Structures are given as C-alpha cells and as structure tokens.
Amino acid sequence: MTEPVKNYFGWIGTFLVLIGYYLNANQITLCWPVWIIGNFLVGIYSLQKEAYPTAVLSFTLVIMSIYGYFKWL
C-alpha cells in the first residue's frame, strides 16, 4: 500500500471518530457504528506506522464501541 493511501486511513479514521463524538453528544445512535469504523481505521493506520500502543488502544475502543452499541439499544 502506498504512503498516501496509508495516510488516508489515519485522517479518515480521525474524522470519523470526531463525528462520532458529535453524534454521541447529540444522543444519536449512529455514533456507535461511526466510532467502530473510525477506530478500526485508526488501528490499521497505527499498525502500519508501528505505533503499537495506539493500535491496541484503537482496537480496544472498537470492542468497547460494539459493547456500547448493544447496551444502548
């Protein structure tokens, strides 16, 4: 994968996570899938950059977002 494509994963993931915060602040259930996708992309980006602690955090947040989604329903 080329470097610009790798960078898009990080930027798109970050944008989705920020949108997820906005949706959550407005109590919109769509925040959970947005967070799941965003954190997953940030996790992939972190692995590609060998930022393993950030990758672990991102994938942990994916799991927590899945849990939160089902708890909130």
PDB file of N, CA and C in Angstrom:
ATOM      1  N   MET A   1       0.848  -1.177   0.000  1.00  0.00           N
ATOM      2  CA  MET A   1       0.000   0.000   0.000  1.00  0.00           C
ATOM      3  C   MET A   1       0.895   1.242   0.000  1.00  0.00           C
ATOM      4  N   THR A   2       0.534   2.218  -0.810  1.00  0.00           N
ATOM      5  CA  THR A   2       1.366   3.416  -0.917  1.00  0.00           C
ATOM      6  C   THR A   2       1.188   4.320   0.303  1.00  0.00           C
ATOM      7  N   GLU A   3       2.163   5.154   0.530  1.00  0.00           N
ATOM      8  CA  GLU A   3       2.159   6.044   1.704  1.00  0.00           C
ATOM      9  C   GLU A   3       0.934   6.975   1.737  1.00  0.00           C
ATOM     10  N   PRO A   4       0.552   7.607   0.605  1.00  0.00           N
ATOM     11  CA  PRO A   4      -0.644   8.470   0.665  1.00  0.00           C
ATOM     12  C   PRO A   4      -1.905   7.707   1.063  1.00  0.00           C
ATOM     13  N   VAL A   5      -2.040   6.462   0.607  1.00  0.00           N
ATOM     14  CA  VAL A   5      -3.212   5.661   0.978  1.00  0.00           C
ATOM     15  C   VAL A   5      -3.188   5.363   2.467  1.00  0.00           C
ATOM     16  N   LYS A   6      -2.022   5.036   3.009  1.00  0.00           N
ATOM     17  CA  LYS A   6      -1.895   4.792   4.440  1.00  0.00           C
ATOM     18  C   LYS A   6      -2.310   6.024   5.238  1.00  0.00           C
ATOM     19  N   ASN A   7      -1.893   7.191   4.785  1.00  0.00           N
ATOM     20  CA  ASN A   7      -2.240   8.419   5.491  1.00  0.00           C
ATOM     21  C   ASN A   7      -3.732   8.685   5.461  1.00  0.00           C
ATOM     22  N   TYR A   8      -4.404   8.317   4.373  1.00  0.00           N
ATOM     23  CA  TYR A   8      -5.853   8.499   4.309  1.00  0.00           C
ATOM     24  C   TYR A   8      -6.555   7.688   5.388  1.00  0.00           C
ATOM     25  N   PHE A   9      -6.052   6.494   5.681  1.00  0.00           N
ATOM     26  CA  PHE A   9      -6.645   5.687   6.752  1.00  0.00           C
ATOM     27  C   PHE A   9      -6.636   6.465   8.061  1.00  0.00           C
ATOM     28  N   GLY A  10      -5.527   7.076   8.374  1.00  0.00           N
ATOM     29  CA  GLY A  10      -5.411   7.835   9.618  1.00  0.00           C
ATOM     30  C   GLY A  10      -6.322   9.047   9.638  1.00  0.00           C
ATOM     31  N   TRP A  11      -6.344   9.809   8.543  1.00  0.00           N
ATOM     32  CA  TRP A  11      -7.173  11.023   8.503  1.00  0.00           C
ATOM     33  C   TRP A  11      -8.665  10.707   8.475  1.00  0.00           C
ATOM     34  N   ILE A  12      -9.063   9.735   7.679  1.00  0.00           N
ATOM     35  CA  ILE A  12     -10.486   9.367   7.625  1.00  0.00           C
ATOM     36  C   ILE A  12     -10.932   8.795   8.961  1.00  0.00           C
ATOM     37  N   GLY A  13     -10.099   7.946   9.563  1.00  0.00           N
ATOM     38  CA  GLY A  13     -10.419   7.387  10.883  1.00  0.00           C
ATOM     39  C   GLY A  13     -10.573   8.473  11.929  1.00  0.00           C
ATOM     40  N   THR A  14      -9.655   9.430  11.935  1.00  0.00           N
ATOM     41  CA  THR A  14      -9.723  10.534  12.895  1.00  0.00           C
ATOM     42  C   THR A  14     -10.991  11.358  12.682  1.00  0.00           C
ATOM     43  N   PHE A  15     -11.315  11.656  11.434  1.00  0.00           N
ATOM     44  CA  PHE A  15     -12.521  12.416  11.117  1.00  0.00           C
ATOM     45  C   PHE A  15     -13.766  11.677  11.602  1.00  0.00           C
ATOM     46  N   LEU A  16     -13.821  10.354  11.371  1.00  0.00           N
ATOM     47  CA  LEU A  16     -14.981   9.576  11.810  1.00  0.00           C
ATOM     48  C   LEU A  16     -15.097   9.543  13.332  1.00  0.00           C
ATOM     49  N   VAL A  17     -13.983   9.426  14.016  1.00  0.00           N
ATOM     50  CA  VAL A  17     -14.021   9.438  15.487  1.00  0.00           C
ATOM     51  C   VAL A  17     -14.568  10.778  15.992  1.00  0.00           C
ATOM     52  N   LEU A  18     -14.122  11.864  15.387  1.00  0.00           N
ATOM     53  CA  LEU A  18     -14.632  13.189  15.789  1.00  0.00           C
ATOM     54  C   LEU A  18     -16.127  13.324  15.496  1.00  0.00           C
ATOM     55  N   ILE A  19     -16.574  12.834  14.350  1.00  0.00           N
ATOM     56  CA  ILE A  19     -18.007  12.851  14.029  1.00  0.00           C
ATOM     57  C   ILE A  19     -18.767  11.992  15.042  1.00  0.00           C
ATOM     58  N   GLY A  20     -18.166  10.869  15.440  1.00  0.00           N
ATOM     59  CA  GLY A  20     -18.788  10.008  16.450  1.00  0.00           C
ATOM     60  C   GLY A  20     -19.004  10.737  17.764  1.00  0.00           C
ATOM     61  N   TYR A  21     -18.030  11.551  18.181  1.00  0.00           N
ATOM     62  CA  TYR A  21     -18.193  12.340  19.405  1.00  0.00           C
ATOM     63  C   TYR A  21     -19.351  13.316  19.276  1.00  0.00           C
ATOM     64  N   TYR A  22     -19.454  13.958  18.126  1.00  0.00           N
ATOM     65  CA  TYR A  22     -20.549  14.909  17.899  1.00  0.00           C
ATOM     66  C   TYR A  22     -21.900  14.190  17.957  1.00  0.00           C
ATOM     67  N   LEU A  23     -21.982  13.044  17.279  1.00  0.00           N
ATOM     68  CA  LEU A  23     -23.243  12.295  17.280  1.00  0.00           C
ATOM     69  C   LEU A  23     -23.604  11.822  18.682  1.00  0.00           C
ATOM     70  N   ASN A  24     -22.612  11.395  19.441  1.00  0.00           N
ATOM     71  CA  ASN A  24     -22.864  10.943  20.813  1.00  0.00           C
ATOM     72  C   ASN A  24     -23.340  12.095  21.687  1.00  0.00           C
ATOM     73  N   ALA A  25     -22.747  13.261  21.520  1.00  0.00           N
ATOM     74  CA  ALA A  25     -23.154  14.426  22.304  1.00  0.00           C
ATOM     75  C   ALA A  25     -24.609  14.797  22.036  1.00  0.00           C
ATOM     76  N   ASN A  26     -25.083  14.452  20.842  1.00  0.00           N
ATOM     77  CA  ASN A  26     -26.471  14.722  20.483  1.00  0.00           C
ATOM     78  C   ASN A  26     -27.356  13.487  20.622  1.00  0.00           C
ATOM     79  N   GLN A  27     -26.835  12.462  21.289  1.00  0.00           N
ATOM     80  CA  GLN A  27     -27.546  11.216  21.594  1.00  0.00           C
ATOM     81  C   GLN A  27     -28.130  10.557  20.343  1.00  0.00           C
ATOM     82  N   ILE A  28     -27.329  10.499  19.304  1.00  0.00           N
ATOM     83  CA  ILE A  28     -27.718   9.846  18.055  1.00  0.00           C
ATOM     84  C   ILE A  28     -27.034   8.485  18.000  1.00  0.00           C
ATOM     85  N   THR A  29     -27.829   7.435  17.892  1.00  0.00           N
ATOM     86  CA  THR A  29     -27.325   6.064  17.964  1.00  0.00           C
ATOM     87  C   THR A  29     -26.286   5.746  16.887  1.00  0.00           C
ATOM     88  N   LEU A  30     -26.311   6.460  15.793  1.00  0.00           N
ATOM     89  CA  LEU A  30     -25.354   6.233  14.714  1.00  0.00           C
ATOM     90  C   LEU A  30     -23.908   6.456  15.163  1.00  0.00           C
ATOM     91  N   CYS A  31     -23.726   7.101  16.314  1.00  0.00           N
ATOM     92  CA  CYS A  31     -22.364   7.358  16.795  1.00  0.00           C
ATOM     93  C   CYS A  31     -21.572   6.062  16.961  1.00  0.00           C
ATOM     94  N   TRP A  32     -22.238   4.992  17.382  1.00  0.00           N
ATOM     95  CA  TRP A  32     -21.512   3.743  17.656  1.00  0.00           C
ATOM     96  C   TRP A  32     -20.908   3.123  16.411  1.00  0.00           C
ATOM     97  N   PRO A  33     -21.675   2.917  15.319  1.00  0.00           N
ATOM     98  CA  PRO A  33     -21.023   2.376  14.114  1.00  0.00           C
ATOM     99  C   PRO A  33     -19.950   3.303  13.541  1.00  0.00           C
ATOM    100  N   VAL A  34     -20.170   4.614  13.663  1.00  0.00           N
ATOM    101  CA  VAL A  34     -19.172   5.569  13.180  1.00  0.00           C
ATOM    102  C   VAL A  34     -17.885   5.410  13.987  1.00  0.00           C
ATOM    103  N   TRP A  35     -18.012   5.297  15.303  1.00  0.00           N
ATOM    104  CA  TRP A  35     -16.833   5.080  16.159  1.00  0.00           C
ATOM    105  C   TRP A  35     -16.141   3.763  15.829  1.00  0.00           C
ATOM    106  N   ILE A  36     -16.925   2.711  15.600  1.00  0.00           N
ATOM    107  CA  ILE A  36     -16.341   1.401  15.298  1.00  0.00           C
ATOM    108  C   ILE A  36     -15.475   1.494  14.039  1.00  0.00           C
ATOM    109  N   ILE A  37     -16.031   2.068  12.992  1.00  0.00           N
ATOM    110  CA  ILE A  37     -15.286   2.189  11.726  1.00  0.00           C
ATOM    111  C   ILE A  37     -14.081   3.115  11.901  1.00  0.00           C
ATOM    112  N   GLY A  38     -14.292   4.258  12.555  1.00  0.00           N
ATOM    113  CA  GLY A  38     -13.202   5.219  12.745  1.00  0.00           C
ATOM    114  C   GLY A  38     -12.055   4.648  13.546  1.00  0.00           C
ATOM    115  N   ASN A  39     -12.363   4.011  14.660  1.00  0.00           N
ATOM    116  CA  ASN A  39     -11.298   3.434  15.485  1.00  0.00           C
ATOM    117  C   ASN A  39     -10.612   2.270  14.791  1.00  0.00           C
ATOM    118  N   PHE A  40     -11.365   1.515  14.003  1.00  0.00           N
ATOM    119  CA  PHE A  40     -10.750   0.425  13.251  1.00  0.00           C
ATOM    120  C   PHE A  40      -9.733   0.983  12.250  1.00  0.00           C
ATOM    121  N   LEU A  41     -10.112   2.044  11.536  1.00  0.00           N
ATOM    122  CA  LEU A  41      -9.185   2.653  10.573  1.00  0.00           C
ATOM    123  C   LEU A  41      -7.956   3.239  11.266  1.00  0.00           C
ATOM    124  N   VAL A  42      -8.153   3.879  12.411  1.00  0.00           N
ATOM    125  CA  VAL A  42      -7.009   4.409  13.161  1.00  0.00           C
ATOM    126  C   VAL A  42      -6.122   3.257  13.640  1.00  0.00           C
ATOM    127  N   GLY A  43      -6.730   2.147  14.033  1.00  0.00           N
ATOM    128  CA  GLY A  43      -5.951   0.979  14.447  1.00  0.00           C
ATOM    129  C   GLY A  43      -5.110   0.418  13.318  1.00  0.00           C
ATOM    130  N   ILE A  44      -5.694   0.305  12.127  1.00  0.00           N
ATOM    131  CA  ILE A  44      -4.948  -0.172  10.953  1.00  0.00           C
ATOM    132  C   ILE A  44      -3.805   0.781  10.638  1.00  0.00           C
ATOM    133  N   TYR A  45      -4.108   2.071  10.648  1.00  0.00           N
ATOM    134  CA  TYR A  45      -3.071   3.083  10.387  1.00  0.00           C
ATOM    135  C   TYR A  45      -1.941   2.973  11.410  1.00  0.00           C
ATOM    136  N   SER A  46      -2.296   2.808  12.672  1.00  0.00           N
ATOM    137  CA  SER A  46      -1.289   2.712  13.738  1.00  0.00           C
ATOM    138  C   SER A  46      -0.402   1.483  13.551  1.00  0.00           C
ATOM    139  N   LEU A  47      -0.999   0.367  13.147  1.00  0.00           N
ATOM    140  CA  LEU A  47      -0.191  -0.827  12.881  1.00  0.00           C
ATOM    141  C   LEU A  47       0.787  -0.580  11.740  1.00  0.00           C
ATOM    142  N   GLN A  48       0.323   0.091  10.697  1.00  0.00           N
ATOM    143  CA  GLN A  48       1.193   0.370   9.562  1.00  0.00           C
ATOM    144  C   GLN A  48       2.343   1.293   9.949  1.00  0.00           C
ATOM    145  N   LYS A  49       2.094   2.183  10.896  1.00  0.00           N
ATOM    146  CA  LYS A  49       3.128   3.109  11.374  1.00  0.00           C
ATOM    147  C   LYS A  49       3.935   2.523  12.534  1.00  0.00           C
ATOM    148  N   GLU A  50       3.625   1.278  12.901  1.00  0.00           N
ATOM    149  CA  GLU A  50       4.273   0.583  14.015  1.00  0.00           C
ATOM    150  C   GLU A  50       4.095   1.318  15.333  1.00  0.00           C
ATOM    151  N   ALA A  51       2.957   1.974  15.483  1.00  0.00           N
ATOM    152  CA  ALA A  51       2.593   2.643  16.738  1.00  0.00           C
ATOM    153  C   ALA A  51       1.688   1.672  17.502  1.00  0.00           C
ATOM    154  N   TYR A  52       2.297   0.648  18.064  1.00  0.00           N
ATOM    155  CA  TYR A  52       1.545  -0.457  18.641  1.00  0.00           C
ATOM    156  C   TYR A  52       0.675  -0.074  19.844  1.00  0.00           C
ATOM    157  N   PRO A  53       1.132   0.793  20.743  1.00  0.00           N
ATOM    158  CA  PRO A  53       0.244   1.182  21.846  1.00  0.00           C
ATOM    159  C   PRO A  53      -1.040   1.868  21.348  1.00  0.00           C
ATOM    160  N   THR A  54      -0.916   2.708  20.332  1.00  0.00           N
ATOM    161  CA  THR A  54      -2.088   3.374  19.774  1.00  0.00           C
ATOM    162  C   THR A  54      -2.989   2.363  19.066  1.00  0.00           C
ATOM    163  N   ALA A  55      -2.409   1.390  18.414  1.00  0.00           N
ATOM    164  CA  ALA A  55      -3.196   0.337  17.757  1.00  0.00           C
ATOM    165  C   ALA A  55      -3.992  -0.464  18.787  1.00  0.00           C
ATOM    166  N   VAL A  56      -3.343  -0.818  19.892  1.00  0.00           N
ATOM    167  CA  VAL A  56      -4.043  -1.553  20.953  1.00  0.00           C
ATOM    168  C   VAL A  56      -5.192  -0.714  21.498  1.00  0.00           C
ATOM    169  N   LEU A  57      -4.940   0.554  21.740  1.00  0.00           N
ATOM    170  CA  LEU A  57      -5.997   1.445  22.222  1.00  0.00           C
ATOM    171  C   LEU A  57      -7.151   1.494  21.233  1.00  0.00           C
ATOM    172  N   SER A  58      -6.862   1.660  19.955  1.00  0.00           N
ATOM    173  CA  SER A  58      -7.908   1.777  18.944  1.00  0.00           C
ATOM    174  C   SER A  58      -8.738   0.503  18.843  1.00  0.00           C
ATOM    175  N   PHE A  59      -8.095  -0.640  18.841  1.00  0.00           N
ATOM    176  CA  PHE A  59      -8.847  -1.898  18.736  1.00  0.00           C
ATOM    177  C   PHE A  59      -9.627  -2.192  20.025  1.00  0.00           C
ATOM    178  N   THR A  60      -9.097  -1.751  21.165  1.00  0.00           N
ATOM    179  CA  THR A  60      -9.851  -1.869  22.413  1.00  0.00           C
ATOM    180  C   THR A  60     -11.097  -0.995  22.352  1.00  0.00           C
ATOM    181  N   LEU A  61     -10.961   0.195  21.794  1.00  0.00           N
ATOM    182  CA  LEU A  61     -12.111   1.090  21.648  1.00  0.00           C
ATOM    183  C   LEU A  61     -13.135   0.531  20.668  1.00  0.00           C
ATOM    184  N   VAL A  62     -12.695  -0.217  19.662  1.00  0.00           N
ATOM    185  CA  VAL A  62     -13.635  -0.881  18.755  1.00  0.00           C
ATOM    186  C   VAL A  62     -14.490  -1.865  19.544  1.00  0.00           C
ATOM    187  N   ILE A  63     -13.852  -2.676  20.383  1.00  0.00           N
ATOM    188  CA  ILE A  63     -14.578  -3.653  21.195  1.00  0.00           C
ATOM    189  C   ILE A  63     -15.532  -2.949  22.154  1.00  0.00           C
ATOM    190  N   MET A  64     -15.062  -1.886  22.793  1.00  0.00           N
ATOM    191  CA  MET A  64     -15.916  -1.145  23.719  1.00  0.00           C
ATOM    192  C   MET A  64     -17.085  -0.474  22.994  1.00  0.00           C
ATOM    193  N   SER A  65     -16.862  -0.024  21.776  1.00  0.00           N
ATOM    194  CA  SER A  65     -17.938   0.596  21.000  1.00  0.00           C
ATOM    195  C   SER A  65     -18.992  -0.429  20.595  1.00  0.00           C
ATOM    196  N   ILE A  66     -18.566  -1.637  20.267  1.00  0.00           N
ATOM    197  CA  ILE A  66     -19.532  -2.694  19.958  1.00  0.00           C
ATOM    198  C   ILE A  66     -20.370  -2.990  21.191  1.00  0.00           C
ATOM    199  N   TYR A  67     -19.719  -3.095  22.337  1.00  0.00           N
ATOM    200  CA  TYR A  67     -20.439  -3.313  23.596  1.00  0.00           C
ATOM    201  C   TYR A  67     -21.402  -2.159  23.877  1.00  0.00           C
ATOM    202  N   GLY A  68     -20.927  -0.935  23.739  1.00  0.00           N
ATOM    203  CA  GLY A  68     -21.767   0.238  23.989  1.00  0.00           C
ATOM    204  C   GLY A  68     -22.956   0.306  23.065  1.00  0.00           C
ATOM    205  N   TYR A  69     -22.761  -0.056  21.819  1.00  0.00           N
ATOM    206  CA  TYR A  69     -23.859  -0.053  20.841  1.00  0.00           C
ATOM    207  C   TYR A  69     -24.983  -0.973  21.291  1.00  0.00           C
ATOM    208  N   PHE A  70     -24.625  -2.201  21.681  1.00  0.00           N
ATOM    209  CA  PHE A  70     -25.660  -3.153  22.087  1.00  0.00           C
ATOM    210  C   PHE A  70     -26.275  -2.793  23.441  1.00  0.00           C
ATOM    211  N   LYS A  71     -25.509  -2.164  24.324  1.00  0.00           N
ATOM    212  CA  LYS A  71     -26.064  -1.708  25.611  1.00  0.00           C
ATOM    213  C   LYS A  71     -27.037  -0.559  25.416  1.00  0.00           C
ATOM    214  N   TRP A  72     -26.770   0.286  24.425  1.00  0.00           N
ATOM    215  CA  TRP A  72     -27.561   1.483  24.211  1.00  0.00           C
ATOM    216  C   TRP A  72     -28.888   1.174  23.505  1.00  0.00           C
ATOM    217  N   LEU A  73     -28.924   0.057  22.770  1.00  0.00           N
ATOM    218  CA  LEU A  73     -30.146  -0.269  22.029  1.00  0.00           C
ATOM    219  C   LEU A  73     -31.307  -0.595  22.943  1.00  0.00           C
TER     220      LEU A  73
END
